[in-house]
């Protein structure tokens, strides 16, 4: 059972850093517009490049309240979206 299946999800597998940044910012903006309170970004574990890119991008995004690695799945980040 997935604890987060009620939240929007973005899967970054196969993306490069630059495209991941664009997709993350577009995804977060869409989540804010849809009034989502949380979102999930799947970046995988791998070498950590997409994880670092994800966290760096989210830190700079003004719609993000908080972003943290999921303690149950290190391959995804849970994002808290600011309320309007």
PDB file of N, CA and C in Angstrom:
ATOM      1  N   UNK A   1       0.840  -1.185   0.000  1.00  0.00           N
ATOM      2  CA  UNK A   1       0.000   0.000   0.000  1.00  0.00           C
ATOM      3  C   UNK A   1       0.884   1.246   0.000  1.00  0.00           C
ATOM      4  N   UNK A   2       0.580   2.173  -0.866  1.00  0.00           N
ATOM      5  CA  UNK A   2       1.315   3.429  -0.943  1.00  0.00           C
ATOM      6  C   UNK A   2       0.641   4.463  -0.051  1.00  0.00           C
ATOM      7  N   UNK A   3       1.387   4.994   0.901  1.00  0.00           N
ATOM      8  CA  UNK A   3       0.831   5.973   1.831  1.00  0.00           C
ATOM      9  C   UNK A   3       0.563   7.319   1.169  1.00  0.00           C
ATOM     10  N   UNK A   4       1.147   7.545   0.014  1.00  0.00           N
ATOM     11  CA  UNK A   4       1.086   8.861  -0.609  1.00  0.00           C
ATOM     12  C   UNK A   4       0.260   8.889  -1.888  1.00  0.00           C
ATOM     13  N   UNK A   5      -0.575   7.892  -2.144  1.00  0.00           N
ATOM     14  CA  UNK A   5      -1.232   7.830  -3.444  1.00  0.00           C
ATOM     15  C   UNK A   5      -2.311   8.891  -3.652  1.00  0.00           C
ATOM     16  N   UNK A   6      -2.605   9.709  -2.641  1.00  0.00           N
ATOM     17  CA  UNK A   6      -3.556  10.791  -2.862  1.00  0.00           C
ATOM     18  C   UNK A   6      -2.868  12.083  -3.303  1.00  0.00           C
ATOM     19  N   UNK A   7      -1.537  12.088  -3.370  1.00  0.00           N
ATOM     20  CA  UNK A   7      -0.773  13.279  -3.740  1.00  0.00           C
ATOM     21  C   UNK A   7      -0.288  13.190  -5.185  1.00  0.00           C
ATOM     22  N   UNK A   8      -0.145  14.348  -5.855  1.00  0.00           N
ATOM     23  CA  UNK A   8       0.423  14.343  -7.210  1.00  0.00           C
ATOM     24  C   UNK A   8       1.865  13.827  -7.182  1.00  0.00           C
ATOM     25  N   UNK A   9       2.253  13.128  -8.246  1.00  0.00           N
ATOM     26  CA  UNK A   9       3.586  12.511  -8.314  1.00  0.00           C
ATOM     27  C   UNK A   9       4.277  12.899  -9.615  1.00  0.00           C
ATOM     28  N   UNK A  10       5.565  13.230  -9.492  1.00  0.00           N
ATOM     29  CA  UNK A  10       6.425  13.460 -10.656  1.00  0.00           C
ATOM     30  C   UNK A  10       7.560  12.451 -10.587  1.00  0.00           C
ATOM     31  N   UNK A  11       7.733  11.665 -11.651  1.00  0.00           N
ATOM     32  CA  UNK A  11       8.802  10.671 -11.722  1.00  0.00           C
ATOM     33  C   UNK A  11       9.891  11.190 -12.661  1.00  0.00           C
ATOM     34  N   UNK A  12      11.097  11.381 -12.116  1.00  0.00           N
ATOM     35  CA  UNK A  12      12.203  11.961 -12.874  1.00  0.00           C
ATOM     36  C   UNK A  12      13.139  10.925 -13.489  1.00  0.00           C
ATOM     37  N   UNK A  13      12.824   9.652 -13.394  1.00  0.00           N
ATOM     38  CA  UNK A  13      13.708   8.623 -13.955  1.00  0.00           C
ATOM     39  C   UNK A  13      13.946   8.892 -15.442  1.00  0.00           C
ATOM     40  N   UNK A  14      15.207   8.896 -15.828  1.00  0.00           N
ATOM     41  CA  UNK A  14      15.580   9.092 -17.222  1.00  0.00           C
ATOM     42  C   UNK A  14      15.796  10.542 -17.622  1.00  0.00           C
ATOM     43  N   UNK A  15      15.538  11.486 -16.708  1.00  0.00           N
ATOM     44  CA  UNK A  15      15.718  12.902 -17.033  1.00  0.00           C
ATOM     45  C   UNK A  15      17.158  13.319 -16.753  1.00  0.00           C
ATOM     46  N   UNK A  16      17.644  14.318 -17.494  1.00  0.00           N
ATOM     47  CA  UNK A  16      18.928  14.925 -17.136  1.00  0.00           C
ATOM     48  C   UNK A  16      18.658  16.095 -16.181  1.00  0.00           C
ATOM     49  N   UNK A  17      19.723  16.665 -15.636  1.00  0.00           N
ATOM     50  CA  UNK A  17      19.591  17.729 -14.618  1.00  0.00           C
ATOM     51  C   UNK A  17      18.775  18.919 -15.103  1.00  0.00           C
ATOM     52  N   UNK A  18      19.086  19.404 -16.295  1.00  0.00           N
ATOM     53  CA  UNK A  18      18.423  20.609 -16.800  1.00  0.00           C
ATOM     54  C   UNK A  18      16.929  20.375 -17.032  1.00  0.00           C
ATOM     55  N   UNK A  19      16.595  19.258 -17.656  1.00  0.00           N
ATOM     56  CA  UNK A  19      15.189  18.952 -17.905  1.00  0.00           C
ATOM     57  C   UNK A  19      14.467  18.683 -16.586  1.00  0.00           C
ATOM     58  N   UNK A  20      15.136  18.046 -15.626  1.00  0.00           N
ATOM     59  CA  UNK A  20      14.538  17.787 -14.312  1.00  0.00           C
ATOM     60  C   UNK A  20      14.169  19.103 -13.626  1.00  0.00           C
ATOM     61  N   UNK A  21      15.061  20.100 -13.680  1.00  0.00           N
ATOM     62  CA  UNK A  21      14.773  21.412 -13.069  1.00  0.00           C
ATOM     63  C   UNK A  21      13.514  22.035 -13.660  1.00  0.00           C
ATOM     64  N   UNK A  22      13.409  21.990 -14.973  1.00  0.00           N
ATOM     65  CA  UNK A  22      12.238  22.559 -15.651  1.00  0.00           C
ATOM     66  C   UNK A  22      10.980  21.819 -15.230  1.00  0.00           C
ATOM     67  N   UNK A  23      11.031  20.497 -15.255  1.00  0.00           N
ATOM     68  CA  UNK A  23       9.861  19.684 -14.906  1.00  0.00           C
ATOM     69  C   UNK A  23       9.448  19.886 -13.443  1.00  0.00           C
ATOM     70  N   UNK A  24      10.414  19.974 -12.551  1.00  0.00           N
ATOM     71  CA  UNK A  24      10.114  20.178 -11.130  1.00  0.00           C
ATOM     72  C   UNK A  24       9.396  21.511 -10.936  1.00  0.00           C
ATOM     73  N   UNK A  25       9.932  22.578 -11.499  1.00  0.00           N
ATOM     74  CA  UNK A  25       9.308  23.895 -11.334  1.00  0.00           C
ATOM     75  C   UNK A  25       7.914  23.946 -11.939  1.00  0.00           C
ATOM     76  N   UNK A  26       7.727  23.350 -13.111  1.00  0.00           N
ATOM     77  CA  UNK A  26       6.396  23.297 -13.727  1.00  0.00           C
ATOM     78  C   UNK A  26       5.437  22.479 -12.873  1.00  0.00           C
ATOM     79  N   UNK A  27       5.907  21.342 -12.375  1.00  0.00           N
ATOM     80  CA  UNK A  27       5.083  20.457 -11.548  1.00  0.00           C
ATOM     81  C   UNK A  27       4.647  21.159 -10.263  1.00  0.00           C
ATOM     82  N   UNK A  28       5.566  21.825  -9.583  1.00  0.00           N
ATOM     83  CA  UNK A  28       5.239  22.508  -8.331  1.00  0.00           C
ATOM     84  C   UNK A  28       4.261  23.649  -8.586  1.00  0.00           C
ATOM     85  N   UNK A  29       4.471  24.390  -9.663  1.00  0.00           N
ATOM     86  CA  UNK A  29       3.530  25.466 -10.008  1.00  0.00           C
ATOM     87  C   UNK A  29       2.136  24.901 -10.262  1.00  0.00           C
ATOM     88  N   UNK A  30       2.055  23.788 -10.983  1.00  0.00           N
ATOM     89  CA  UNK A  30       0.759  23.152 -11.240  1.00  0.00           C
ATOM     90  C   UNK A  30       0.111  22.666  -9.940  1.00  0.00           C
ATOM     91  N   UNK A  31       0.912  22.101  -9.045  1.00  0.00           N
ATOM     92  CA  UNK A  31       0.386  21.634  -7.756  1.00  0.00           C
ATOM     93  C   UNK A  31      -0.170  22.802  -6.953  1.00  0.00           C
ATOM     94  N   UNK A  32       0.538  23.924  -6.964  1.00  0.00           N
ATOM     95  CA  UNK A  32       0.076  25.120  -6.259  1.00  0.00           C
ATOM     96  C   UNK A  32      -1.251  25.600  -6.852  1.00  0.00           C
ATOM     97  N   UNK A  33      -1.327  25.612  -8.172  1.00  0.00           N
ATOM     98  CA  UNK A  33      -2.548  26.038  -8.858  1.00  0.00           C
ATOM     99  C   UNK A  33      -3.723  25.125  -8.524  1.00  0.00           C
ATOM    100  N   UNK A  34      -3.442  23.817  -8.408  1.00  0.00           N
ATOM    101  CA  UNK A  34      -4.496  22.844  -8.072  1.00  0.00           C
ATOM    102  C   UNK A  34      -4.781  22.778  -6.577  1.00  0.00           C
ATOM    103  N   UNK A  35      -4.091  23.621  -5.787  1.00  0.00           N
ATOM    104  CA  UNK A  35      -4.259  23.696  -4.337  1.00  0.00           C
ATOM    105  C   UNK A  35      -3.880  22.400  -3.624  1.00  0.00           C
ATOM    106  N   UNK A  36      -2.915  21.678  -4.177  1.00  0.00           N
ATOM    107  CA  UNK A  36      -2.387  20.482  -3.510  1.00  0.00           C
ATOM    108  C   UNK A  36      -1.545  20.937  -2.317  1.00  0.00           C
ATOM    109  N   UNK A  37      -1.632  20.207  -1.222  1.00  0.00           N
ATOM    110  CA  UNK A  37      -0.850  20.572  -0.033  1.00  0.00           C
ATOM    111  C   UNK A  37       0.493  19.854   0.003  1.00  0.00           C
ATOM    112  N   UNK A  38       0.565  18.698  -0.631  1.00  0.00           N
ATOM    113  CA  UNK A  38       1.802  17.917  -0.691  1.00  0.00           C
ATOM    114  C   UNK A  38       1.943  17.343  -2.088  1.00  0.00           C
ATOM    115  N   UNK A  39       3.188  17.014  -2.429  1.00  0.00           N
ATOM    116  CA  UNK A  39       3.481  16.374  -3.706  1.00  0.00           C
ATOM    117  C   UNK A  39       4.672  15.453  -3.500  1.00  0.00           C
ATOM    118  N   UNK A  40       4.809  14.477  -4.377  1.00  0.00           N
ATOM    119  CA  UNK A  40       5.901  13.513  -4.320  1.00  0.00           C
ATOM    120  C   UNK A  40       6.728  13.636  -5.594  1.00  0.00           C
ATOM    121  N   UNK A  41       8.040  13.718  -5.417  1.00  0.00           N
ATOM    122  CA  UNK A  41       8.944  13.698  -6.558  1.00  0.00           C
ATOM    123  C   UNK A  41       9.833  12.471  -6.422  1.00  0.00           C
ATOM    124  N   UNK A  42       9.743  11.591  -7.412  1.00  0.00           N
ATOM    125  CA  UNK A  42      10.545  10.365  -7.424  1.00  0.00           C
ATOM    126  C   UNK A  42      11.805  10.650  -8.239  1.00  0.00           C
ATOM    127  N   UNK A  43      12.956  10.559  -7.590  1.00  0.00           N
ATOM    128  CA  UNK A  43      14.230  10.828  -8.262  1.00  0.00           C
ATOM    129  C   UNK A  43      15.122   9.603  -8.287  1.00  0.00           C
ATOM    130  N   UNK A  44      14.773   8.574  -7.542  1.00  0.00           N
ATOM    131  CA  UNK A  44      15.584   7.373  -7.477  1.00  0.00           C
ATOM    132  C   UNK A  44      16.775   7.560  -6.549  1.00  0.00           C
ATOM    133  N   UNK A  45      17.524   6.498  -6.361  1.00  0.00           N
ATOM    134  CA  UNK A  45      18.677   6.543  -5.458  1.00  0.00           C
ATOM    135  C   UNK A  45      19.946   6.740  -6.275  1.00  0.00           C
ATOM    136  N   UNK A  46      20.275   5.841  -7.147  1.00  0.00           N
ATOM    137  CA  UNK A  46      21.402   5.967  -8.080  1.00  0.00           C
ATOM    138  C   UNK A  46      22.621   6.663  -7.524  1.00  0.00           C
ATOM    139  N   UNK A  47      23.189   7.561  -8.331  1.00  0.00           N
ATOM    140  CA  UNK A  47      24.397   8.285  -7.929  1.00  0.00           C
ATOM    141  C   UNK A  47      24.078   9.523  -7.106  1.00  0.00           C
ATOM    142  N   UNK A  48      22.819   9.902  -7.014  1.00  0.00           N
ATOM    143  CA  UNK A  48      22.410  11.044  -6.198  1.00  0.00           C
ATOM    144  C   UNK A  48      22.319  12.359  -6.956  1.00  0.00           C
ATOM    145  N   UNK A  49      22.591  12.339  -8.255  1.00  0.00           N
ATOM    146  CA  UNK A  49      22.558  13.582  -9.035  1.00  0.00           C
ATOM    147  C   UNK A  49      21.146  14.161  -9.081  1.00  0.00           C
ATOM    148  N   UNK A  50      20.158  13.329  -9.383  1.00  0.00           N
ATOM    149  CA  UNK A  50      18.784  13.838  -9.453  1.00  0.00           C
ATOM    150  C   UNK A  50      18.252  14.222  -8.074  1.00  0.00           C
ATOM    151  N   UNK A  51      18.664  13.519  -7.037  1.00  0.00           N
ATOM    152  CA  UNK A  51      18.243  13.876  -5.673  1.00  0.00           C
ATOM    153  C   UNK A  51      18.764  15.271  -5.322  1.00  0.00           C
ATOM    154  N   UNK A  52      20.044  15.518  -5.604  1.00  0.00           N
ATOM    155  CA  UNK A  52      20.639  16.820  -5.306  1.00  0.00           C
ATOM    156  C   UNK A  52      19.988  17.911  -6.152  1.00  0.00           C
ATOM    157  N   UNK A  53      19.779  17.643  -7.417  1.00  0.00           N
ATOM    158  CA  UNK A  53      19.120  18.607  -8.301  1.00  0.00           C
ATOM    159  C   UNK A  53      17.720  18.916  -7.796  1.00  0.00           C
ATOM    160  N   UNK A  54      16.989  17.882  -7.374  1.00  0.00           N
ATOM    161  CA  UNK A  54      15.635  18.067  -6.864  1.00  0.00           C
ATOM    162  C   UNK A  54      15.637  18.967  -5.635  1.00  0.00           C
ATOM    163  N   UNK A  55      16.470  18.655  -4.657  1.00  0.00           N
ATOM    164  CA  UNK A  55      16.494  19.443  -3.422  1.00  0.00           C
ATOM    165  C   UNK A  55      16.960  20.875  -3.675  1.00  0.00           C
ATOM    166  N   UNK A  56      17.968  21.056  -4.528  1.00  0.00           N
ATOM    167  CA  UNK A  56      18.447  22.404  -4.851  1.00  0.00           C
ATOM    168  C   UNK A  56      17.358  23.226  -5.550  1.00  0.00           C
ATOM    169  N   UNK A  57      16.645  22.602  -6.473  1.00  0.00           N
ATOM    170  CA  UNK A  57      15.586  23.284  -7.208  1.00  0.00           C
ATOM    171  C   UNK A  57      14.442  23.659  -6.279  1.00  0.00           C
ATOM    172  N   UNK A  58      14.061  22.746  -5.400  1.00  0.00           N
ATOM    173  CA  UNK A  58      12.948  23.011  -4.486  1.00  0.00           C
ATOM    174  C   UNK A  58      13.278  24.109  -3.479  1.00  0.00           C
ATOM    175  N   UNK A  59      14.542  24.198  -3.061  1.00  0.00           N
ATOM    176  CA  UNK A  59      14.946  25.263  -2.129  1.00  0.00           C
ATOM    177  C   UNK A  59      14.730  26.645  -2.731  1.00  0.00           C
ATOM    178  N   UNK A  60      14.852  26.756  -4.042  1.00  0.00           N
ATOM    179  CA  UNK A  60      14.732  28.046  -4.722  1.00  0.00           C
ATOM    180  C   UNK A  60      13.307  28.346  -5.185  1.00  0.00           C
ATOM    181  N   UNK A  61      12.408  27.387  -5.077  1.00  0.00           N
ATOM    182  CA  UNK A  61      11.050  27.557  -5.584  1.00  0.00           C
ATOM    183  C   UNK A  61      10.183  28.238  -4.519  1.00  0.00           C
ATOM    184  N   UNK A  62       9.588  29.373  -4.869  1.00  0.00           N
ATOM    185  CA  UNK A  62       8.824  30.147  -3.882  1.00  0.00           C
ATOM    186  C   UNK A  62       7.460  29.542  -3.535  1.00  0.00           C
ATOM    187  N   UNK A  63       7.046  28.492  -4.224  1.00  0.00           N
ATOM    188  CA  UNK A  63       5.798  27.802  -3.869  1.00  0.00           C
ATOM    189  C   UNK A  63       6.026  26.698  -2.833  1.00  0.00           C
ATOM    190  N   UNK A  64       7.276  26.387  -2.539  1.00  0.00           N
ATOM    191  CA  UNK A  64       7.609  25.263  -1.647  1.00  0.00           C
ATOM    192  C   UNK A  64       7.790  25.757  -0.220  1.00  0.00           C
ATOM    193  N   UNK A  65       7.062  25.109   0.675  1.00  0.00           N
ATOM    194  CA  UNK A  65       7.178  25.402   2.101  1.00  0.00           C
ATOM    195  C   UNK A  65       8.301  24.565   2.720  1.00  0.00           C
ATOM    196  N   UNK A  66       8.343  23.270   2.342  1.00  0.00           N
ATOM    197  CA  UNK A  66       9.344  22.353   2.887  1.00  0.00           C
ATOM    198  C   UNK A  66       9.521  21.185   1.926  1.00  0.00           C
ATOM    199  N   UNK A  67      10.741  20.669   1.863  1.00  0.00           N
ATOM    200  CA  UNK A  67      11.029  19.483   1.055  1.00  0.00           C
ATOM    201  C   UNK A  67      11.987  18.604   1.835  1.00  0.00           C
ATOM    202  N   UNK A  68      11.641  17.315   1.918  1.00  0.00           N
ATOM    203  CA  UNK A  68      12.523  16.390   2.639  1.00  0.00           C
ATOM    204  C   UNK A  68      12.461  15.008   2.011  1.00  0.00           C
ATOM    205  N   UNK A  69      13.566  14.302   2.127  1.00  0.00           N
ATOM    206  CA  UNK A  69      13.648  12.935   1.633  1.00  0.00           C
ATOM    207  C   UNK A  69      12.697  12.072   2.469  1.00  0.00           C
ATOM    208  N   UNK A  70      11.956  11.203   1.807  1.00  0.00           N
ATOM    209  CA  UNK A  70      11.038  10.294   2.488  1.00  0.00           C
ATOM    210  C   UNK A  70      11.845   9.289   3.316  1.00  0.00           C
ATOM    211  N   UNK A  71      11.553   9.178   4.602  1.00  0.00           N
ATOM    212  CA  UNK A  71      12.319   8.266   5.469  1.00  0.00           C
ATOM    213  C   UNK A  71      12.026   6.794   5.171  1.00  0.00           C
ATOM    214  N   UNK A  72      10.930   6.532   4.469  1.00  0.00           N
ATOM    215  CA  UNK A  72      10.582   5.154   4.119  1.00  0.00           C
ATOM    216  C   UNK A  72      11.064   4.769   2.726  1.00  0.00           C
ATOM    217  N   UNK A  73      11.411   5.764   1.920  1.00  0.00           N
ATOM    218  CA  UNK A  73      11.876   5.518   0.551  1.00  0.00           C
ATOM    219  C   UNK A  73      12.851   6.636   0.178  1.00  0.00           C
ATOM    220  N   UNK A  74      14.136   6.360   0.258  1.00  0.00           N
ATOM    221  CA  UNK A  74      15.149   7.369  -0.009  1.00  0.00           C
ATOM    222  C   UNK A  74      15.196   7.800  -1.466  1.00  0.00           C
ATOM    223  N   UNK A  75      14.428   7.165  -2.312  1.00  0.00           N
ATOM    224  CA  UNK A  75      14.384   7.508  -3.729  1.00  0.00           C
ATOM    225  C   UNK A  75      13.311   8.521  -4.067  1.00  0.00           C
ATOM    226  N   UNK A  76      12.669   9.097  -3.048  1.00  0.00           N
ATOM    227  CA  UNK A  76      11.656  10.116  -3.335  1.00  0.00           C
ATOM    228  C   UNK A  76      11.697  11.225  -2.288  1.00  0.00           C
ATOM    229  N   UNK A  77      11.217  12.378  -2.696  1.00  0.00           N
ATOM    230  CA  UNK A  77      11.161  13.548  -1.834  1.00  0.00           C
ATOM    231  C   UNK A  77       9.704  13.949  -1.651  1.00  0.00           C
ATOM    232  N   UNK A  78       9.353  14.283  -0.422  1.00  0.00           N
ATOM    233  CA  UNK A  78       8.012  14.762  -0.099  1.00  0.00           C
ATOM    234  C   UNK A  78       8.079  16.285  -0.034  1.00  0.00           C
ATOM    235  N   UNK A  79       7.195  16.929  -0.761  1.00  0.00           N
ATOM    236  CA  UNK A  79       7.191  18.385  -0.851  1.00  0.00           C
ATOM    237  C   UNK A  79       5.921  18.928  -0.209  1.00  0.00           C
ATOM    238  N   UNK A  80       6.068  19.871   0.704  1.00  0.00           N
ATOM    239  CA  UNK A  80       4.925  20.597   1.260  1.00  0.00           C
ATOM    240  C   UNK A  80       4.797  21.897   0.487  1.00  0.00           C
ATOM    241  N   UNK A  81       3.602  22.131  -0.038  1.00  0.00           N
ATOM    242  CA  UNK A  81       3.366  23.285  -0.900  1.00  0.00           C
ATOM    243  C   UNK A  81       2.695  24.391  -0.073  1.00  0.00           C
ATOM    244  N   UNK A  82       3.139  25.613  -0.306  1.00  0.00           N
ATOM    245  CA  UNK A  82       2.554  26.747   0.413  1.00  0.00           C
ATOM    246  C   UNK A  82       1.081  26.880   0.062  1.00  0.00           C
ATOM    247  N   UNK A  83       0.340  27.322   1.041  1.00  0.00           N
ATOM    248  CA  UNK A  83      -1.089  27.595   0.796  1.00  0.00           C
ATOM    249  C   UNK A  83      -1.235  29.030   0.314  1.00  0.00           C
ATOM    250  N   UNK A  84      -2.297  29.239  -0.408  1.00  0.00           N
ATOM    251  CA  UNK A  84      -2.544  30.585  -0.947  1.00  0.00           C
ATOM    252  C   UNK A  84      -2.940  31.540   0.128  1.00  0.00           C
TER     253      UNK A  84
END
